[in-house]
């Protein structure tokens, strides 16, 4: 069996599953009511998950520490986002910060 013979059905299956999951939210929202405690827990879990992904992406590269340049770029992006700067400016400033630090030899 070739790779594409396995890969294409897997992609189609994941696409159908993703679409079904997205569709079930609005459909079941009118039929099911979660208790307030559960809704708060789900909201907190989403924040914790995104924070964990951000931390891993910021501080690690492969199996080791990513260096100082990448966290510095993320810090600049965070400050600009907190100051409500335009998204394009946030991305460009973070990339420029990281690139300049690496150009100066900062890992």
PDB file of N, CA and C in Angstrom:
ATOM      1  N   UNK A   1       0.839  -1.175   0.000  1.00  0.00           N
ATOM      2  CA  UNK A   1       0.000   0.000   0.000  1.00  0.00           C
ATOM      3  C   UNK A   1       0.888   1.243   0.000  1.00  0.00           C
ATOM      4  N   UNK A   2       0.593   2.198  -0.857  1.00  0.00           N
ATOM      5  CA  UNK A   2       1.414   3.400  -0.932  1.00  0.00           C
ATOM      6  C   UNK A   2       1.013   4.383   0.162  1.00  0.00           C
ATOM      7  N   UNK A   3       1.867   5.354   0.364  1.00  0.00           N
ATOM      8  CA  UNK A   3       1.599   6.362   1.384  1.00  0.00           C
ATOM      9  C   UNK A   3       0.343   7.159   1.069  1.00  0.00           C
ATOM     10  N   UNK A   4       0.146   7.500  -0.199  1.00  0.00           N
ATOM     11  CA  UNK A   4      -1.030   8.304  -0.556  1.00  0.00           C
ATOM     12  C   UNK A   4      -2.319   7.501  -0.409  1.00  0.00           C
ATOM     13  N   UNK A   5      -2.240   6.184  -0.529  1.00  0.00           N
ATOM     14  CA  UNK A   5      -3.433   5.357  -0.363  1.00  0.00           C
ATOM     15  C   UNK A   5      -3.907   5.364   1.086  1.00  0.00           C
ATOM     16  N   UNK A   6      -3.022   5.627   2.007  1.00  0.00           N
ATOM     17  CA  UNK A   6      -3.384   5.723   3.413  1.00  0.00           C
ATOM     18  C   UNK A   6      -3.626   7.176   3.809  1.00  0.00           C
ATOM     19  N   UNK A   7      -2.830   8.072   3.264  1.00  0.00           N
ATOM     20  CA  UNK A   7      -2.881   9.471   3.658  1.00  0.00           C
ATOM     21  C   UNK A   7      -4.161  10.163   3.218  1.00  0.00           C
ATOM     22  N   UNK A   8      -4.585   9.967   2.001  1.00  0.00           N
ATOM     23  CA  UNK A   8      -5.776  10.660   1.493  1.00  0.00           C
ATOM     24  C   UNK A   8      -7.042  10.249   2.255  1.00  0.00           C
ATOM     25  N   UNK A   9      -7.310   8.957   2.468  1.00  0.00           N
ATOM     26  CA  UNK A   9      -8.486   8.609   3.283  1.00  0.00           C
ATOM     27  C   UNK A   9      -8.392   9.145   4.712  1.00  0.00           C
ATOM     28  N   UNK A  10      -7.196   9.184   5.270  1.00  0.00           N
ATOM     29  CA  UNK A  10      -7.030   9.716   6.628  1.00  0.00           C
ATOM     30  C   UNK A  10      -7.369  11.202   6.667  1.00  0.00           C
ATOM     31  N   UNK A  11      -6.935  11.944   5.660  1.00  0.00           N
ATOM     32  CA  UNK A  11      -7.242  13.380   5.589  1.00  0.00           C
ATOM     33  C   UNK A  11      -8.738  13.589   5.432  1.00  0.00           C
ATOM     34  N   UNK A  12      -9.371  12.801   4.570  1.00  0.00           N
ATOM     35  CA  UNK A  12     -10.820  12.925   4.366  1.00  0.00           C
ATOM     36  C   UNK A  12     -11.570  12.592   5.651  1.00  0.00           C
ATOM     37  N   UNK A  13     -11.152  11.534   6.333  1.00  0.00           N
ATOM     38  CA  UNK A  13     -11.793  11.153   7.586  1.00  0.00           C
ATOM     39  C   UNK A  13     -11.629  12.232   8.654  1.00  0.00           C
ATOM     40  N   UNK A  14     -10.444  12.807   8.761  1.00  0.00           N
ATOM     41  CA  UNK A  14     -10.223  13.892   9.717  1.00  0.00           C
ATOM     42  C   UNK A  14     -11.045  15.123   9.358  1.00  0.00           C
ATOM     43  N   UNK A  15     -11.171  15.419   8.074  1.00  0.00           N
ATOM     44  CA  UNK A  15     -11.981  16.565   7.648  1.00  0.00           C
ATOM     45  C   UNK A  15     -13.450  16.353   8.001  1.00  0.00           C
ATOM     46  N   UNK A  16     -13.955  15.161   7.767  1.00  0.00           N
ATOM     47  CA  UNK A  16     -15.356  14.858   8.117  1.00  0.00           C
ATOM     48  C   UNK A  16     -15.560  14.934   9.627  1.00  0.00           C
ATOM     49  N   UNK A  17     -14.636  14.387  10.386  1.00  0.00           N
ATOM     50  CA  UNK A  17     -14.737  14.435  11.842  1.00  0.00           C
ATOM     51  C   UNK A  17     -14.682  15.860  12.375  1.00  0.00           C
ATOM     52  N   UNK A  18     -13.803  16.671  11.794  1.00  0.00           N
ATOM     53  CA  UNK A  18     -13.704  18.067  12.215  1.00  0.00           C
ATOM     54  C   UNK A  18     -14.993  18.810  11.895  1.00  0.00           C
ATOM     55  N   UNK A  19     -15.513  18.621  10.699  1.00  0.00           N
ATOM     56  CA  UNK A  19     -16.750  19.290  10.306  1.00  0.00           C
ATOM     57  C   UNK A  19     -17.906  18.850  11.200  1.00  0.00           C
ATOM     58  N   UNK A  20     -17.994  17.551  11.488  1.00  0.00           N
ATOM     59  CA  UNK A  20     -19.074  17.044  12.347  1.00  0.00           C
ATOM     60  C   UNK A  20     -18.967  17.627  13.753  1.00  0.00           C
ATOM     61  N   UNK A  21     -17.767  17.720  14.263  1.00  0.00           N
ATOM     62  CA  UNK A  21     -17.580  18.303  15.595  1.00  0.00           C
ATOM     63  C   UNK A  21     -17.988  19.766  15.609  1.00  0.00           C
ATOM     64  N   UNK A  22     -17.608  20.501  14.586  1.00  0.00           N
ATOM     65  CA  UNK A  22     -17.976  21.915  14.504  1.00  0.00           C
ATOM     66  C   UNK A  22     -19.479  22.092  14.329  1.00  0.00           C
ATOM     67  N   UNK A  23     -20.110  21.181  13.631  1.00  0.00           N
ATOM     68  CA  UNK A  23     -21.547  21.262  13.395  1.00  0.00           C
ATOM     69  C   UNK A  23     -22.337  20.910  14.646  1.00  0.00           C
ATOM     70  N   UNK A  24     -21.845  19.978  15.448  1.00  0.00           N
ATOM     71  CA  UNK A  24     -22.561  19.546  16.642  1.00  0.00           C
ATOM     72  C   UNK A  24     -22.691  20.651  17.689  1.00  0.00           C
ATOM     73  N   UNK A  25     -21.757  21.568  17.733  1.00  0.00           N
ATOM     74  CA  UNK A  25     -21.821  22.655  18.710  1.00  0.00           C
ATOM     75  C   UNK A  25     -23.119  23.443  18.610  1.00  0.00           C
ATOM     76  N   UNK A  26     -23.392  24.068  17.470  1.00  0.00           N
ATOM     77  CA  UNK A  26     -24.641  24.829  17.348  1.00  0.00           C
ATOM     78  C   UNK A  26     -25.894  23.946  17.435  1.00  0.00           C
ATOM     79  N   UNK A  27     -25.821  22.711  16.937  1.00  0.00           N
ATOM     80  CA  UNK A  27     -26.997  21.832  16.959  1.00  0.00           C
ATOM     81  C   UNK A  27     -27.345  21.428  18.383  1.00  0.00           C
ATOM     82  N   UNK A  28     -26.345  21.032  19.161  1.00  0.00           N
ATOM     83  CA  UNK A  28     -26.604  20.566  20.516  1.00  0.00           C
ATOM     84  C   UNK A  28     -26.738  21.699  21.533  1.00  0.00           C
ATOM     85  N   UNK A  29     -26.336  22.884  21.158  1.00  0.00           N
ATOM     86  CA  UNK A  29     -26.396  23.998  22.101  1.00  0.00           C
ATOM     87  C   UNK A  29     -27.820  24.263  22.575  1.00  0.00           C
ATOM     88  N   UNK A  30     -28.774  24.112  21.690  1.00  0.00           N
ATOM     89  CA  UNK A  30     -30.173  24.354  22.044  1.00  0.00           C
ATOM     90  C   UNK A  30     -30.778  23.195  22.835  1.00  0.00           C
ATOM     91  N   UNK A  31     -30.193  22.021  22.713  1.00  0.00           N
ATOM     92  CA  UNK A  31     -30.752  20.833  23.371  1.00  0.00           C
ATOM     93  C   UNK A  31     -30.118  20.533  24.719  1.00  0.00           C
ATOM     94  N   UNK A  32     -28.882  20.934  24.893  1.00  0.00           N
ATOM     95  CA  UNK A  32     -28.163  20.609  26.124  1.00  0.00           C
ATOM     96  C   UNK A  32     -27.764  21.897  26.834  1.00  0.00           C
ATOM     97  N   UNK A  33     -27.875  21.886  28.131  1.00  0.00           N
ATOM     98  CA  UNK A  33     -27.411  23.001  28.939  1.00  0.00           C
ATOM     99  C   UNK A  33     -26.405  22.457  29.946  1.00  0.00           C
ATOM    100  N   UNK A  34     -25.193  22.971  29.873  1.00  0.00           N
ATOM    101  CA  UNK A  34     -24.173  22.565  30.831  1.00  0.00           C
ATOM    102  C   UNK A  34     -24.302  23.411  32.087  1.00  0.00           C
ATOM    103  N   UNK A  35     -24.036  22.823  33.227  1.00  0.00           N
ATOM    104  CA  UNK A  35     -24.031  23.614  34.451  1.00  0.00           C
ATOM    105  C   UNK A  35     -22.948  24.699  34.394  1.00  0.00           C
ATOM    106  N   UNK A  36     -23.149  25.754  35.135  1.00  0.00           N
ATOM    107  CA  UNK A  36     -22.208  26.873  35.136  1.00  0.00           C
ATOM    108  C   UNK A  36     -20.797  26.424  35.507  1.00  0.00           C
ATOM    109  N   UNK A  37     -20.692  25.517  36.451  1.00  0.00           N
ATOM    110  CA  UNK A  37     -19.372  25.010  36.865  1.00  0.00           C
ATOM    111  C   UNK A  37     -18.660  24.326  35.703  1.00  0.00           C
ATOM    112  N   UNK A  38     -19.386  23.539  34.924  1.00  0.00           N
ATOM    113  CA  UNK A  38     -18.788  22.852  33.775  1.00  0.00           C
ATOM    114  C   UNK A  38     -18.352  23.848  32.713  1.00  0.00           C
ATOM    115  N   UNK A  39     -19.170  24.866  32.470  1.00  0.00           N
ATOM    116  CA  UNK A  39     -18.797  25.876  31.477  1.00  0.00           C
ATOM    117  C   UNK A  39     -17.537  26.618  31.893  1.00  0.00           C
ATOM    118  N   UNK A  40     -17.428  26.940  33.178  1.00  0.00           N
ATOM    119  CA  UNK A  40     -16.225  27.616  33.669  1.00  0.00           C
ATOM    120  C   UNK A  40     -15.002  26.713  33.548  1.00  0.00           C
ATOM    121  N   UNK A  41     -15.182  25.441  33.858  1.00  0.00           N
ATOM    122  CA  UNK A  41     -14.080  24.487  33.771  1.00  0.00           C
ATOM    123  C   UNK A  41     -13.606  24.328  32.325  1.00  0.00           C
ATOM    124  N   UNK A  42     -14.529  24.266  31.395  1.00  0.00           N
ATOM    125  CA  UNK A  42     -14.167  24.141  29.979  1.00  0.00           C
ATOM    126  C   UNK A  42     -13.427  25.379  29.504  1.00  0.00           C
ATOM    127  N   UNK A  43     -13.893  26.563  29.913  1.00  0.00           N
ATOM    128  CA  UNK A  43     -13.211  27.807  29.537  1.00  0.00           C
ATOM    129  C   UNK A  43     -11.804  27.843  30.118  1.00  0.00           C
ATOM    130  N   UNK A  44     -11.662  27.442  31.370  1.00  0.00           N
ATOM    131  CA  UNK A  44     -10.337  27.424  31.999  1.00  0.00           C
ATOM    132  C   UNK A  44      -9.433  26.399  31.326  1.00  0.00           C
ATOM    133  N   UNK A  45      -9.973  25.249  30.955  1.00  0.00           N
ATOM    134  CA  UNK A  45      -9.179  24.217  30.286  1.00  0.00           C
ATOM    135  C   UNK A  45      -8.659  24.716  28.947  1.00  0.00           C
ATOM    136  N   UNK A  46      -9.468  25.475  28.228  1.00  0.00           N
ATOM    137  CA  UNK A  46      -9.029  26.016  26.942  1.00  0.00           C
ATOM    138  C   UNK A  46      -7.864  26.984  27.131  1.00  0.00           C
ATOM    139  N   UNK A  47      -7.949  27.826  28.144  1.00  0.00           N
ATOM    140  CA  UNK A  47      -6.867  28.775  28.424  1.00  0.00           C
ATOM    141  C   UNK A  47      -5.597  28.032  28.823  1.00  0.00           C
ATOM    142  N   UNK A  48      -5.725  27.021  29.657  1.00  0.00           N
ATOM    143  CA  UNK A  48      -4.567  26.247  30.093  1.00  0.00           C
ATOM    144  C   UNK A  48      -3.915  25.534  28.909  1.00  0.00           C
ATOM    145  N   UNK A  49      -4.726  24.959  28.033  1.00  0.00           N
ATOM    146  CA  UNK A  49      -4.191  24.260  26.861  1.00  0.00           C
ATOM    147  C   UNK A  49      -3.446  25.220  25.939  1.00  0.00           C
ATOM    148  N   UNK A  50      -4.035  26.369  25.656  1.00  0.00           N
ATOM    149  CA  UNK A  50      -3.364  27.345  24.793  1.00  0.00           C
ATOM    150  C   UNK A  50      -2.081  27.873  25.428  1.00  0.00           C
ATOM    151  N   UNK A  51      -2.101  28.072  26.739  1.00  0.00           N
ATOM    152  CA  UNK A  51      -0.890  28.520  27.437  1.00  0.00           C
ATOM    153  C   UNK A  51       0.204  27.469  27.360  1.00  0.00           C
ATOM    154  N   UNK A  52      -0.161  26.204  27.505  1.00  0.00           N
ATOM    155  CA  UNK A  52       0.824  25.125  27.411  1.00  0.00           C
ATOM    156  C   UNK A  52       1.429  25.050  26.010  1.00  0.00           C
ATOM    157  N   UNK A  53       0.597  25.184  24.985  1.00  0.00           N
ATOM    158  CA  UNK A  53       1.102  25.166  23.604  1.00  0.00           C
ATOM    159  C   UNK A  53       2.030  26.351  23.371  1.00  0.00           C
ATOM    160  N   UNK A  54       1.644  27.525  23.869  1.00  0.00           N
ATOM    161  CA  UNK A  54       2.483  28.712  23.726  1.00  0.00           C
ATOM    162  C   UNK A  54       3.828  28.510  24.417  1.00  0.00           C
ATOM    163  N   UNK A  55       3.808  27.973  25.626  1.00  0.00           N
ATOM    164  CA  UNK A  55       5.054  27.781  26.374  1.00  0.00           C
ATOM    165  C   UNK A  55       5.982  26.790  25.682  1.00  0.00           C
ATOM    166  N   UNK A  56       5.427  25.685  25.227  1.00  0.00           N
ATOM    167  CA  UNK A  56       6.257  24.679  24.551  1.00  0.00           C
ATOM    168  C   UNK A  56       6.822  25.243  23.247  1.00  0.00           C
ATOM    169  N   UNK A  57       5.998  25.943  22.488  1.00  0.00           N
ATOM    170  CA  UNK A  57       6.459  26.514  21.221  1.00  0.00           C
ATOM    171  C   UNK A  57       7.490  27.615  21.424  1.00  0.00           C
ATOM    172  N   UNK A  58       7.359  28.353  22.512  1.00  0.00           N
ATOM    173  CA  UNK A  58       8.259  29.474  22.770  1.00  0.00           C
ATOM    174  C   UNK A  58       9.611  29.015  23.283  1.00  0.00           C
ATOM    175  N   UNK A  59       9.620  28.089  24.221  1.00  0.00           N
ATOM    176  CA  UNK A  59      10.847  27.773  24.935  1.00  0.00           C
ATOM    177  C   UNK A  59      11.582  26.535  24.451  1.00  0.00           C
ATOM    178  N   UNK A  60      10.984  25.714  23.595  1.00  0.00           N
ATOM    179  CA  UNK A  60      11.674  24.497  23.154  1.00  0.00           C
ATOM    180  C   UNK A  60      11.830  24.464  21.644  1.00  0.00           C
ATOM    181  N   UNK A  61      12.885  23.807  21.233  1.00  0.00           N
ATOM    182  CA  UNK A  61      13.149  23.570  19.817  1.00  0.00           C
ATOM    183  C   UNK A  61      13.688  22.150  19.724  1.00  0.00           C
ATOM    184  N   UNK A  62      12.847  21.245  19.240  1.00  0.00           N
ATOM    185  CA  UNK A  62      13.243  19.841  19.248  1.00  0.00           C
ATOM    186  C   UNK A  62      13.226  19.327  20.673  1.00  0.00           C
ATOM    187  N   UNK A  63      14.384  18.866  21.140  1.00  0.00           N
ATOM    188  CA  UNK A  63      14.484  18.322  22.495  1.00  0.00           C
ATOM    189  C   UNK A  63      15.101  19.291  23.491  1.00  0.00           C
ATOM    190  N   UNK A  64      15.483  20.481  23.038  1.00  0.00           N
ATOM    191  CA  UNK A  64      16.199  21.381  23.930  1.00  0.00           C
ATOM    192  C   UNK A  64      15.596  22.769  23.997  1.00  0.00           C
ATOM    193  N   UNK A  65      16.305  23.635  24.690  1.00  0.00           N
ATOM    194  CA  UNK A  65      15.895  25.022  24.867  1.00  0.00           C
ATOM    195  C   UNK A  65      16.041  25.775  23.552  1.00  0.00           C
ATOM    196  N   UNK A  66      15.079  26.623  23.227  1.00  0.00           N
ATOM    197  CA  UNK A  66      15.079  27.342  21.953  1.00  0.00           C
ATOM    198  C   UNK A  66      16.037  28.520  21.939  1.00  0.00           C
ATOM    199  N   UNK A  67      16.544  28.920  23.065  1.00  0.00           N
ATOM    200  CA  UNK A  67      17.420  30.081  23.128  1.00  0.00           C
ATOM    201  C   UNK A  67      16.646  31.290  23.646  1.00  0.00           C
ATOM    202  N   UNK A  68      17.282  32.430  23.613  1.00  0.00           N
ATOM    203  CA  UNK A  68      16.701  33.650  24.166  1.00  0.00           C
ATOM    204  C   UNK A  68      15.960  34.452  23.102  1.00  0.00           C
ATOM    205  N   UNK A  69      16.363  34.349  21.855  1.00  0.00           N
ATOM    206  CA  UNK A  69      15.788  35.188  20.798  1.00  0.00           C
ATOM    207  C   UNK A  69      14.297  34.930  20.599  1.00  0.00           C
ATOM    208  N   UNK A  70      13.900  33.681  20.566  1.00  0.00           N
ATOM    209  CA  UNK A  70      12.478  33.374  20.340  1.00  0.00           C
ATOM    210  C   UNK A  70      11.597  33.865  21.492  1.00  0.00           C
ATOM    211  N   UNK A  71      11.932  33.574  22.751  1.00  0.00           N
ATOM    212  CA  UNK A  71      11.114  34.128  23.839  1.00  0.00           C
ATOM    213  C   UNK A  71      11.076  35.659  23.846  1.00  0.00           C
ATOM    214  N   UNK A  72      12.169  36.293  23.430  1.00  0.00           N
ATOM    215  CA  UNK A  72      12.175  37.754  23.359  1.00  0.00           C
ATOM    216  C   UNK A  72      11.181  38.244  22.306  1.00  0.00           C
ATOM    217  N   UNK A  73      11.131  37.564  21.169  1.00  0.00           N
ATOM    218  CA  UNK A  73      10.153  37.923  20.141  1.00  0.00           C
ATOM    219  C   UNK A  73       8.725  37.727  20.615  1.00  0.00           C
ATOM    220  N   UNK A  74       8.488  36.644  21.338  1.00  0.00           N
ATOM    221  CA  UNK A  74       7.151  36.392  21.887  1.00  0.00           C
ATOM    222  C   UNK A  74       6.798  37.454  22.924  1.00  0.00           C
ATOM    223  N   UNK A  75       7.779  37.861  23.720  1.00  0.00           N
ATOM    224  CA  UNK A  75       7.544  38.912  24.711  1.00  0.00           C
ATOM    225  C   UNK A  75       7.158  40.227  24.039  1.00  0.00           C
ATOM    226  N   UNK A  76       7.867  40.588  22.974  1.00  0.00           N
ATOM    227  CA  UNK A  76       7.523  41.803  22.220  1.00  0.00           C
ATOM    228  C   UNK A  76       6.106  41.686  21.663  1.00  0.00           C
ATOM    229  N   UNK A  77       5.771  40.528  21.114  1.00  0.00           N
ATOM    230  CA  UNK A  77       4.417  40.325  20.586  1.00  0.00           C
ATOM    231  C   UNK A  77       3.373  40.451  21.685  1.00  0.00           C
ATOM    232  N   UNK A  78       3.668  39.888  22.858  1.00  0.00           N
ATOM    233  CA  UNK A  78       2.724  39.972  23.972  1.00  0.00           C
ATOM    234  C   UNK A  78       2.499  41.402  24.425  1.00  0.00           C
ATOM    235  N   UNK A  79       3.572  42.166  24.509  1.00  0.00           N
ATOM    236  CA  UNK A  79       3.446  43.567  24.921  1.00  0.00           C
ATOM    237  C   UNK A  79       2.631  44.353  23.901  1.00  0.00           C
ATOM    238  N   UNK A  80       2.926  44.147  22.626  1.00  0.00           N
ATOM    239  CA  UNK A  80       2.170  44.865  21.590  1.00  0.00           C
ATOM    240  C   UNK A  80       0.703  44.443  21.554  1.00  0.00           C
ATOM    241  N   UNK A  81       0.430  43.156  21.776  1.00  0.00           N
ATOM    242  CA  UNK A  81      -0.961  42.692  21.819  1.00  0.00           C
ATOM    243  C   UNK A  81      -1.686  43.301  23.012  1.00  0.00           C
ATOM    244  N   UNK A  82      -0.991  43.375  24.137  1.00  0.00           N
ATOM    245  CA  UNK A  82      -1.572  43.983  25.330  1.00  0.00           C
ATOM    246  C   UNK A  82      -1.882  45.459  25.085  1.00  0.00           C
ATOM    247  N   UNK A  83      -1.038  46.131  24.289  1.00  0.00           N
ATOM    248  CA  UNK A  83      -1.255  47.537  23.947  1.00  0.00           C
ATOM    249  C   UNK A  83      -2.239  47.712  22.788  1.00  0.00           C
ATOM    250  N   UNK A  84      -2.787  46.583  22.315  1.00  0.00           N
ATOM    251  CA  UNK A  84      -3.790  46.558  21.241  1.00  0.00           C
ATOM    252  C   UNK A  84      -3.271  47.102  19.907  1.00  0.00           C
ATOM    253  N   UNK A  85      -2.056  46.718  19.588  1.00  0.00           N
ATOM    254  CA  UNK A  85      -1.468  47.084  18.304  1.00  0.00           C
ATOM    255  C   UNK A  85      -2.115  46.245  17.204  1.00  0.00           C
ATOM    256  N   UNK A  86      -2.062  46.708  15.959  1.00  0.00           N
ATOM    257  CA  UNK A  86      -2.589  45.908  14.844  1.00  0.00           C
ATOM    258  C   UNK A  86      -1.836  44.576  14.722  1.00  0.00           C
ATOM    259  N   UNK A  87      -2.563  43.541  14.318  1.00  0.00           N
ATOM    260  CA  UNK A  87      -1.998  42.196  14.263  1.00  0.00           C
ATOM    261  C   UNK A  87      -0.770  42.123  13.366  1.00  0.00           C
ATOM    262  N   UNK A  88      -0.818  42.773  12.205  1.00  0.00           N
ATOM    263  CA  UNK A  88       0.327  42.733  11.289  1.00  0.00           C
ATOM    264  C   UNK A  88       1.566  43.328  11.957  1.00  0.00           C
ATOM    265  N   UNK A  89       1.402  44.405  12.696  1.00  0.00           N
ATOM    266  CA  UNK A  89       2.521  45.024  13.392  1.00  0.00           C
ATOM    267  C   UNK A  89       3.080  44.088  14.468  1.00  0.00           C
ATOM    268  N   UNK A  90       2.201  43.388  15.157  1.00  0.00           N
ATOM    269  CA  UNK A  90       2.632  42.443  16.196  1.00  0.00           C
ATOM    270  C   UNK A  90       3.508  41.352  15.593  1.00  0.00           C
ATOM    271  N   UNK A  91       3.044  40.764  14.507  1.00  0.00           N
ATOM    272  CA  UNK A  91       3.792  39.675  13.864  1.00  0.00           C
ATOM    273  C   UNK A  91       5.134  40.163  13.331  1.00  0.00           C
ATOM    274  N   UNK A  92       5.116  41.314  12.670  1.00  0.00           N
ATOM    275  CA  UNK A  92       6.355  41.848  12.093  1.00  0.00           C
ATOM    276  C   UNK A  92       7.347  42.216  13.189  1.00  0.00           C
ATOM    277  N   UNK A  93       6.879  42.863  14.249  1.00  0.00           N
ATOM    278  CA  UNK A  93       7.776  43.261  15.343  1.00  0.00           C
ATOM    279  C   UNK A  93       8.385  42.043  16.025  1.00  0.00           C
ATOM    280  N   UNK A  94       7.595  41.002  16.239  1.00  0.00           N
ATOM    281  CA  UNK A  94       8.123  39.791  16.860  1.00  0.00           C
ATOM    282  C   UNK A  94       9.170  39.138  15.967  1.00  0.00           C
ATOM    283  N   UNK A  95       8.890  39.061  14.674  1.00  0.00           N
ATOM    284  CA  UNK A  95       9.841  38.452  13.736  1.00  0.00           C
ATOM    285  C   UNK A  95      11.125  39.267  13.642  1.00  0.00           C
ATOM    286  N   UNK A  96      10.994  40.584  13.585  1.00  0.00           N
ATOM    287  CA  UNK A  96      12.176  41.448  13.493  1.00  0.00           C
ATOM    288  C   UNK A  96      13.010  41.353  14.770  1.00  0.00           C
ATOM    289  N   UNK A  97      12.348  41.332  15.919  1.00  0.00           N
ATOM    290  CA  UNK A  97      13.072  41.206  17.188  1.00  0.00           C
ATOM    291  C   UNK A  97      13.874  39.913  17.226  1.00  0.00           C
ATOM    292  N   UNK A  98      13.220  38.815  16.882  1.00  0.00           N
ATOM    293  CA  UNK A  98      13.894  37.511  16.893  1.00  0.00           C
ATOM    294  C   UNK A  98      15.036  37.488  15.882  1.00  0.00           C
ATOM    295  N   UNK A  99      14.787  38.004  14.681  1.00  0.00           N
ATOM    296  CA  UNK A  99      15.815  37.994  13.641  1.00  0.00           C
ATOM    297  C   UNK A  99      17.022  38.862  14.012  1.00  0.00           C
ATOM    298  N   UNK A 100      16.773  40.048  14.569  1.00  0.00           N
ATOM    299  CA  UNK A 100      17.882  40.914  14.952  1.00  0.00           C
ATOM    300  C   UNK A 100      18.725  40.298  16.071  1.00  0.00           C
ATOM    301  N   UNK A 101      18.058  39.696  17.041  1.00  0.00           N
ATOM    302  CA  UNK A 101      18.811  39.045  18.111  1.00  0.00           C
ATOM    303  C   UNK A 101      19.654  37.886  17.587  1.00  0.00           C
ATOM    304  N   UNK A 102      19.103  37.127  16.671  1.00  0.00           N
ATOM    305  CA  UNK A 102      19.867  36.015  16.088  1.00  0.00           C
ATOM    306  C   UNK A 102      21.005  36.537  15.225  1.00  0.00           C
ATOM    307  N   UNK A 103      20.756  37.647  14.525  1.00  0.00           N
ATOM    308  CA  UNK A 103      21.797  38.259  13.705  1.00  0.00           C
ATOM    309  C   UNK A 103      22.964  38.735  14.577  1.00  0.00           C
ATOM    310  N   UNK A 104      22.649  39.184  15.799  1.00  0.00           N
ATOM    311  CA  UNK A 104      23.679  39.634  16.739  1.00  0.00           C
ATOM    312  C   UNK A 104      24.366  38.463  17.448  1.00  0.00           C
ATOM    313  N   UNK A 105      23.919  37.249  17.165  1.00  0.00           N
ATOM    314  CA  UNK A 105      24.565  36.069  17.743  1.00  0.00           C
ATOM    315  C   UNK A 105      23.892  35.535  18.988  1.00  0.00           C
ATOM    316  N   UNK A 106      22.749  36.109  19.352  1.00  0.00           N
ATOM    317  CA  UNK A 106      22.016  35.609  20.521  1.00  0.00           C
ATOM    318  C   UNK A 106      21.265  34.354  20.089  1.00  0.00           C
ATOM    319  N   UNK A 107      21.443  33.257  20.804  1.00  0.00           N
ATOM    320  CA  UNK A 107      20.772  32.008  20.376  1.00  0.00           C
ATOM    321  C   UNK A 107      19.276  32.071  20.538  1.00  0.00           C
TER     322      UNK A 107
END
